[in-house]
Amino acid sequence: MKKTLFFIFLIFSVMTLNAEVFKSNQLGQKLEKADKVEEKGVYLVEEGYMRFLYVDGSVFWTESTIKNSPEETVVFRTYENSDEKLSRTYKDGRLIEESVTKSGITKTSSYGYSSGQLIFVSSIDLDGTSSVQSFLRSSDKKDVIGVSDSGSVRFLSDKYAYQNGEVLVNLAPGLVTSGEHKILENGDILIMEDESTESVYNQRGQLLSRKKGEKLVTYLYDNDYLIRVETKDRTSRIVENYGDGKPYDRYEYENEVLVSHTVFKDEGNIKTMFSQGRVVAVVYYKRDNRTIDRIEYN
C-alpha cells in the first residue's frame, strides 16, 4: 500500500513541477510529446537532472544525471523491481565507462577511442573474467576491417572473412560460410550445416529454406521484406504472415486441416480454435500473451 501511495505521489509531484512527458519505449527513447502519464503504455518523464520511465502506470526505472565537469557526465539508473543498478560515464559525449551491478556483483566495461573512433572495449564480467575486444579500421575510410576478441582476430572484406587461420567465403551479401556448399542451377546456394541440416539462400543472401530431419521451414520475401514463414513436419504445418518486420497472424494445421488462427495484437493475442472446419472457441489473451482474459465458446 505504501509503495502504491509513493507511486501516486511521485506521479503527481513530477507532473506538477514543470516536467516534460513523452511517449517512449523501454529503451527510454523520446517518441512524441504527451500530456500526461497514462495507465497503459510506456512514458518518459524528464525534470531537471531526473528521468523516470513508467510502464503501465508504474515506475520501471529512475535515472539521475550528474555533471562532474564541463566534459564529463555520469548517469545513474536504478530499477524499481530489481536490485540491478547501472552507471554510465560520458566524456565529450562519448561513453567511456559502464558498470552494471546485480546481486552485489559488478560488471565493468571501459571504452577507448582514437580520433573519435571506438578502437577497443575492455570488460570485467560478473564472474571475474576479463576480455578485450579491439576494432581494426582502414587507414583511408576508417571502416572496421577486423575485430580482435581476446586474441581471436577476424578480418573482414567484401569477398571473404579470416578467422583463426581459416578463410571463410562470402557467398552473398550478409552470407559467410565455411561449411560445404553447392550452387544450384537457378543460382541459389545450398549449404550443408551438418549431417542433418541444410539451408538454401538466394544470391542476395536471403534465407529461403532450412531443413532439419523431417522439419522444413521456408521463407517468402517481397523484395527485401519477409512476408511469410511456413514450418512443416510429418503431420503439422504452421504459416506465419509478416508485415513491417513482425508477424501479424498465424495459421496452424494438422494433417492439412485448420485447427487454429491467431491474430497478434499489442493489447493481447486472439486465438480462434477450429474443429472439423467450424469455430469452437475464441481465446482472448492479456498483454503478456500467457494469461487468458476470457474464452468465448460457439
Protein backbone atom coordinates (compact mmCIF):
# COMPACT_ATOMS: atom_id res chain seq x y z
CA MET A 1 0.00 0.00 0.00
CA LYS A 2 2.84 2.36 0.92
CA LYS A 3 4.53 1.55 -2.38
CA THR A 4 1.36 2.34 -4.33
CA LEU A 5 0.88 5.62 -2.48
CA PHE A 6 4.50 6.51 -3.17
CA PHE A 7 3.97 5.94 -6.93
CA ILE A 8 0.83 8.07 -6.91
CA PHE A 9 2.61 10.84 -5.02
CA LEU A 10 5.61 10.58 -7.34
CA ILE A 11 3.45 10.82 -10.47
CA PHE A 12 1.55 13.77 -9.02
CA SER A 13 4.68 15.63 -7.89
CA VAL A 14 6.52 15.02 -11.18
CA MET A 15 3.55 16.12 -13.23
CA THR A 16 3.19 19.39 -11.34
CA LEU A 17 6.78 20.63 -11.38
CA ASN A 18 7.37 21.74 -14.96
CA ALA A 19 8.16 18.20 -16.06
CA GLU A 20 8.10 17.12 -19.70
CA VAL A 21 6.30 13.90 -20.66
CA PHE A 22 6.99 11.80 -23.76
CA LYS A 23 5.60 8.59 -25.17
CA SER A 24 8.52 6.18 -25.07
CA ASN A 25 9.73 2.57 -25.13
CA GLN A 26 11.78 0.50 -22.68
CA LEU A 27 14.96 1.97 -24.15
CA GLY A 28 13.86 5.35 -22.81
CA GLN A 29 13.71 7.00 -26.24
CA LYS A 30 11.52 10.05 -26.81
CA LEU A 31 8.89 9.18 -29.40
CA GLU A 32 6.46 12.08 -29.14
CA LYS A 33 5.17 14.63 -26.63
CA ALA A 34 2.40 13.55 -24.26
CA ASP A 35 0.11 15.45 -21.91
CA LYS A 36 0.41 13.04 -19.00
CA VAL A 37 1.39 9.53 -17.92
CA GLU A 38 -1.42 7.14 -18.85
CA GLU A 39 -2.22 3.88 -17.06
CA LYS A 40 -1.30 1.88 -20.18
CA GLY A 41 1.83 2.28 -22.27
CA VAL A 42 5.42 3.44 -21.78
CA TYR A 43 6.18 7.07 -20.87
CA LEU A 44 9.35 9.02 -20.16
CA VAL A 45 9.17 11.92 -17.68
CA GLU A 46 12.01 14.45 -17.53
CA GLU A 47 12.51 17.09 -14.88
CA GLY A 48 15.86 18.79 -14.40
CA TYR A 49 18.54 16.15 -13.93
CA MET A 50 15.99 13.37 -13.21
CA ARG A 51 14.28 10.99 -15.64
CA PHE A 52 11.57 8.44 -14.85
CA LEU A 53 10.40 5.63 -17.14
CA TYR A 54 6.83 4.47 -16.50
CA VAL A 55 5.44 1.18 -17.80
CA ASP A 56 1.66 0.79 -17.46
CA GLY A 57 1.48 3.49 -14.79
CA SER A 58 4.33 2.23 -12.58
CA VAL A 59 7.95 3.38 -12.37
CA PHE A 60 10.21 0.96 -14.27
CA TRP A 61 13.48 2.80 -13.71
CA THR A 62 14.74 6.10 -12.30
CA GLU A 63 17.73 7.92 -13.76
CA SER A 64 19.79 10.86 -12.48
CA THR A 65 22.48 12.80 -14.35
CA ILE A 66 25.46 14.38 -12.59
CA LYS A 67 27.91 16.66 -14.36
CA ASN A 68 31.38 16.14 -12.85
CA SER A 69 32.93 18.72 -15.18
CA PRO A 70 32.06 20.52 -18.44
CA GLU A 71 33.44 17.50 -20.32
CA GLU A 72 32.33 14.59 -18.08
CA THR A 73 28.81 13.42 -17.23
CA VAL A 74 27.72 10.42 -15.14
CA VAL A 75 24.28 8.82 -15.48
CA PHE A 76 22.96 6.59 -12.67
CA ARG A 77 19.97 4.29 -13.16
CA THR A 78 18.10 2.12 -10.64
CA TYR A 79 15.37 -0.39 -11.50
CA GLU A 80 12.25 -0.37 -9.35
CA ASN A 81 11.58 -4.12 -9.16
CA SER A 82 15.18 -5.33 -9.25
CA ASP A 83 18.43 -4.87 -7.36
CA GLU A 84 20.14 -4.07 -10.67
CA LYS A 85 21.93 -0.72 -10.90
CA LEU A 86 23.58 0.86 -13.90
CA SER A 87 26.02 3.72 -14.25
CA ARG A 88 27.48 5.23 -17.43
CA THR A 89 30.24 7.82 -17.66
CA TYR A 90 30.47 10.03 -20.76
CA LYS A 91 33.32 12.33 -21.78
CA ASP A 92 32.82 14.83 -24.60
CA GLY A 93 29.59 12.99 -25.40
CA ARG A 94 31.24 9.56 -25.77
CA LEU A 95 30.67 6.58 -23.46
CA ILE A 96 33.96 5.82 -21.68
CA GLU A 97 32.84 3.54 -18.81
CA GLU A 98 29.81 1.45 -17.97
CA SER A 99 29.12 -0.67 -14.89
CA VAL A 100 26.21 -2.98 -14.08
CA THR A 101 25.66 -4.21 -10.51
CA LYS A 102 23.36 -7.15 -9.87
CA SER A 103 23.05 -9.27 -6.73
CA GLY A 104 26.03 -7.39 -5.33
CA ILE A 105 28.32 -8.30 -8.27
CA THR A 106 29.54 -5.66 -10.71
CA LYS A 107 30.48 -5.94 -14.38
CA THR A 108 32.58 -3.05 -15.68
CA SER A 109 33.37 -2.10 -19.29
CA SER A 110 35.79 0.61 -20.47
CA TYR A 111 35.72 2.13 -23.95
CA GLY A 112 38.75 3.56 -25.78
CA TYR A 113 38.75 5.94 -28.73
CA SER A 114 41.23 7.29 -31.26
CA SER A 115 40.39 10.39 -33.32
CA GLY A 116 36.76 9.98 -32.28
CA GLN A 117 36.59 6.32 -33.40
CA LEU A 118 35.94 3.42 -30.99
CA ILE A 119 39.02 1.16 -31.00
CA PHE A 120 38.53 -1.18 -28.02
CA VAL A 121 36.18 -2.35 -25.27
CA SER A 122 37.69 -3.84 -22.11
CA SER A 123 35.32 -5.73 -19.77
CA ILE A 124 35.46 -7.50 -16.40
CA ASP A 125 32.46 -9.83 -16.19
CA LEU A 126 30.26 -10.77 -13.24
CA ASP A 127 32.30 -13.94 -12.67
CA GLY A 128 35.59 -12.02 -12.65
CA THR A 129 36.76 -13.00 -16.14
CA SER A 130 38.18 -10.23 -18.32
CA SER A 131 38.06 -9.70 -22.08
CA VAL A 132 39.25 -7.12 -24.58
CA GLN A 133 37.57 -6.52 -27.94
CA SER A 134 39.52 -4.34 -30.41
CA PHE A 135 38.33 -2.85 -33.69
CA LEU A 136 40.75 -2.55 -36.61
CA ARG A 137 39.98 0.23 -39.08
CA SER A 138 41.17 1.06 -42.58
CA SER A 139 43.57 3.98 -42.90
CA ASP A 140 41.50 5.75 -45.57
CA LYS A 141 37.78 5.50 -44.78
CA LYS A 142 38.20 4.38 -41.14
CA ASP A 143 35.81 1.49 -41.81
CA VAL A 144 36.02 -1.53 -39.50
CA ILE A 145 38.08 -4.19 -41.32
CA GLY A 146 38.71 -6.54 -38.43
CA VAL A 147 37.80 -7.46 -34.86
CA SER A 148 40.11 -8.89 -32.22
CA ASP A 149 38.20 -10.63 -29.41
CA SER A 150 40.51 -11.72 -26.57
CA GLY A 151 43.23 -12.66 -29.07
CA SER A 152 40.99 -14.24 -31.73
CA VAL A 153 41.31 -12.00 -34.79
CA ARG A 154 38.70 -11.80 -37.55
CA PHE A 155 39.46 -9.76 -40.67
CA LEU A 156 36.61 -8.67 -42.93
CA SER A 157 36.34 -7.85 -46.62
CA ASP A 158 33.70 -7.79 -49.37
CA LYS A 159 34.59 -11.31 -50.52
CA TYR A 160 35.93 -13.17 -47.51
CA ALA A 161 36.46 -13.23 -43.77
CA TYR A 162 39.54 -14.59 -42.00
CA GLN A 163 39.30 -16.09 -38.53
CA ASN A 164 41.53 -18.47 -36.54
CA GLY A 165 43.62 -19.28 -39.60
CA GLU A 166 40.63 -20.19 -41.78
CA VAL A 167 39.36 -18.30 -44.82
CA LEU A 168 35.56 -18.07 -44.79
CA VAL A 169 33.94 -17.50 -48.18
CA ASN A 170 31.44 -14.67 -48.57
CA LEU A 171 28.90 -16.26 -50.92
CA ALA A 172 26.42 -13.39 -50.96
CA PRO A 173 25.79 -10.10 -49.09
CA GLY A 174 25.44 -10.98 -45.42
CA LEU A 175 26.18 -14.69 -46.06
CA VAL A 176 29.55 -16.02 -44.91
CA THR A 177 30.17 -19.76 -44.56
CA SER A 178 32.95 -22.25 -44.01
CA GLY A 179 30.73 -25.31 -44.49
CA GLU A 180 30.12 -27.43 -47.59
CA HIS A 181 28.10 -25.55 -50.18
CA LYS A 182 26.73 -26.05 -53.68
CA ILE A 183 25.49 -23.55 -56.26
CA LEU A 184 22.16 -24.76 -57.68
CA GLU A 185 21.08 -24.37 -61.32
CA ASN A 186 18.93 -21.33 -60.54
CA GLY A 187 21.82 -19.62 -58.71
CA ASP A 188 20.56 -20.36 -55.19
CA ILE A 189 23.14 -21.57 -52.64
CA LEU A 190 22.71 -24.88 -50.79
CA ILE A 191 24.72 -25.16 -47.56
CA MET A 192 25.09 -28.37 -45.56
CA GLU A 193 25.36 -27.06 -41.99
CA ASP A 194 25.75 -30.57 -40.55
CA GLU A 195 24.74 -34.13 -41.45
CA SER A 196 21.02 -33.48 -40.88
CA THR A 197 20.63 -29.76 -41.59
CA GLU A 198 20.69 -27.98 -44.95
CA SER A 199 19.85 -24.39 -45.81
CA VAL A 200 19.15 -22.65 -49.11
CA TYR A 201 19.94 -18.96 -49.73
CA ASN A 202 19.34 -16.80 -52.78
CA GLN A 203 22.03 -14.68 -54.42
CA ARG A 204 21.06 -11.69 -52.24
CA GLY A 205 21.91 -13.60 -49.07
CA GLN A 206 18.29 -14.15 -48.00
CA LEU A 207 17.47 -17.45 -46.31
CA LEU A 208 14.90 -19.31 -48.43
CA SER A 209 14.57 -22.59 -46.52
CA ARG A 210 16.09 -24.68 -43.76
CA LYS A 211 15.54 -28.42 -43.45
CA LYS A 212 16.47 -30.49 -40.42
CA GLY A 213 15.29 -34.07 -40.41
CA GLU A 214 11.56 -34.06 -41.22
CA LYS A 215 11.14 -30.38 -40.32
CA LEU A 216 11.20 -27.87 -43.21
CA VAL A 217 10.98 -24.08 -42.74
CA THR A 218 10.51 -21.90 -45.84
CA TYR A 219 10.73 -18.10 -46.08
CA LEU A 220 8.97 -15.86 -48.61
CA TYR A 221 10.02 -12.27 -49.37
CA ASP A 222 8.64 -9.27 -51.21
CA ASN A 223 11.88 -7.60 -52.37
CA ASP A 224 13.82 -7.21 -49.10
CA TYR A 225 10.85 -7.72 -46.79
CA LEU A 226 9.93 -11.02 -45.16
CA ILE A 227 6.21 -11.64 -45.65
CA ARG A 228 5.69 -15.32 -44.76
CA VAL A 229 7.31 -18.19 -42.83
CA GLU A 230 5.95 -21.72 -43.24
CA THR A 231 7.00 -24.61 -40.98
CA LYS A 232 6.16 -28.19 -41.90
CA ASP A 233 6.89 -31.59 -40.42
CA ARG A 234 5.34 -35.00 -40.88
CA THR A 235 1.78 -34.10 -39.79
CA SER A 236 1.63 -30.39 -38.96
CA ARG A 237 2.01 -27.10 -40.82
CA ILE A 238 2.26 -23.57 -39.41
CA VAL A 239 2.04 -20.42 -41.55
CA GLU A 240 3.03 -17.02 -40.13
CA ASN A 241 2.36 -13.86 -42.13
CA TYR A 242 4.59 -10.82 -41.60
CA GLY A 243 4.22 -7.07 -42.04
CA ASP A 244 6.65 -4.30 -41.05
CA GLY A 245 9.16 -6.91 -39.88
CA LYS A 246 6.91 -8.73 -37.37
CA PRO A 247 4.23 -11.46 -37.57
CA TYR A 248 0.62 -10.32 -37.57
CA ASP A 249 -1.17 -13.68 -37.72
CA ARG A 250 -0.57 -17.45 -37.68
CA TYR A 251 -2.45 -20.46 -39.08
CA GLU A 252 -1.91 -23.96 -37.65
CA TYR A 253 -2.88 -27.14 -39.48
CA GLU A 254 -2.92 -30.83 -38.53
CA ASN A 255 -2.95 -33.21 -41.50
CA GLU A 256 -3.81 -30.15 -43.64
CA VAL A 257 -6.92 -29.40 -41.55
CA LEU A 258 -7.06 -25.93 -39.96
CA VAL A 259 -7.03 -26.17 -36.14
CA SER A 260 -6.34 -22.57 -35.08
CA HIS A 261 -5.85 -19.00 -36.29
CA THR A 262 -4.03 -16.47 -34.08
CA VAL A 263 -4.08 -12.71 -34.60
CA PHE A 264 -1.16 -10.93 -32.88
CA LYS A 265 -2.13 -7.71 -31.10
CA ASP A 266 -0.24 -5.41 -28.74
CA GLU A 267 -3.11 -5.46 -26.27
CA GLY A 268 -3.26 -9.29 -26.34
CA ASN A 269 -3.47 -12.02 -28.98
CA ILE A 270 -6.77 -13.51 -30.16
CA LYS A 271 -6.78 -17.25 -30.96
CA THR A 272 -9.67 -18.90 -32.81
CA MET A 273 -9.96 -22.69 -32.39
CA PHE A 274 -11.45 -24.92 -35.10
CA SER A 275 -12.79 -28.47 -35.18
CA GLN A 276 -13.71 -30.12 -38.48
CA GLY A 277 -13.84 -26.76 -40.21
CA ARG A 278 -16.05 -24.92 -37.72
CA VAL A 279 -15.20 -22.44 -34.96
CA VAL A 280 -15.49 -23.97 -31.49
CA ALA A 281 -13.94 -21.24 -29.32
CA VAL A 282 -12.19 -17.86 -29.36
CA VAL A 283 -9.49 -17.28 -26.74
CA TYR A 284 -8.59 -13.70 -25.74
CA TYR A 285 -5.22 -13.16 -24.07
CA LYS A 286 -3.95 -10.32 -21.91
CA ARG A 287 -0.93 -8.19 -22.89
CA ASP A 288 1.59 -10.80 -21.70
CA ASN A 289 0.03 -13.33 -24.15
CA ARG A 290 0.28 -16.03 -21.49
CA THR A 291 -2.64 -15.10 -19.26
CA ILE A 292 -6.11 -15.82 -20.68
CA ASP A 293 -8.51 -12.91 -20.37
CA ARG A 294 -11.62 -14.80 -21.48
CA ILE A 295 -12.87 -17.63 -23.69
CA GLU A 296 -15.95 -17.40 -25.91
CA TYR A 297 -17.42 -20.77 -26.94
CA ASN A 298 -19.54 -21.39 -30.04
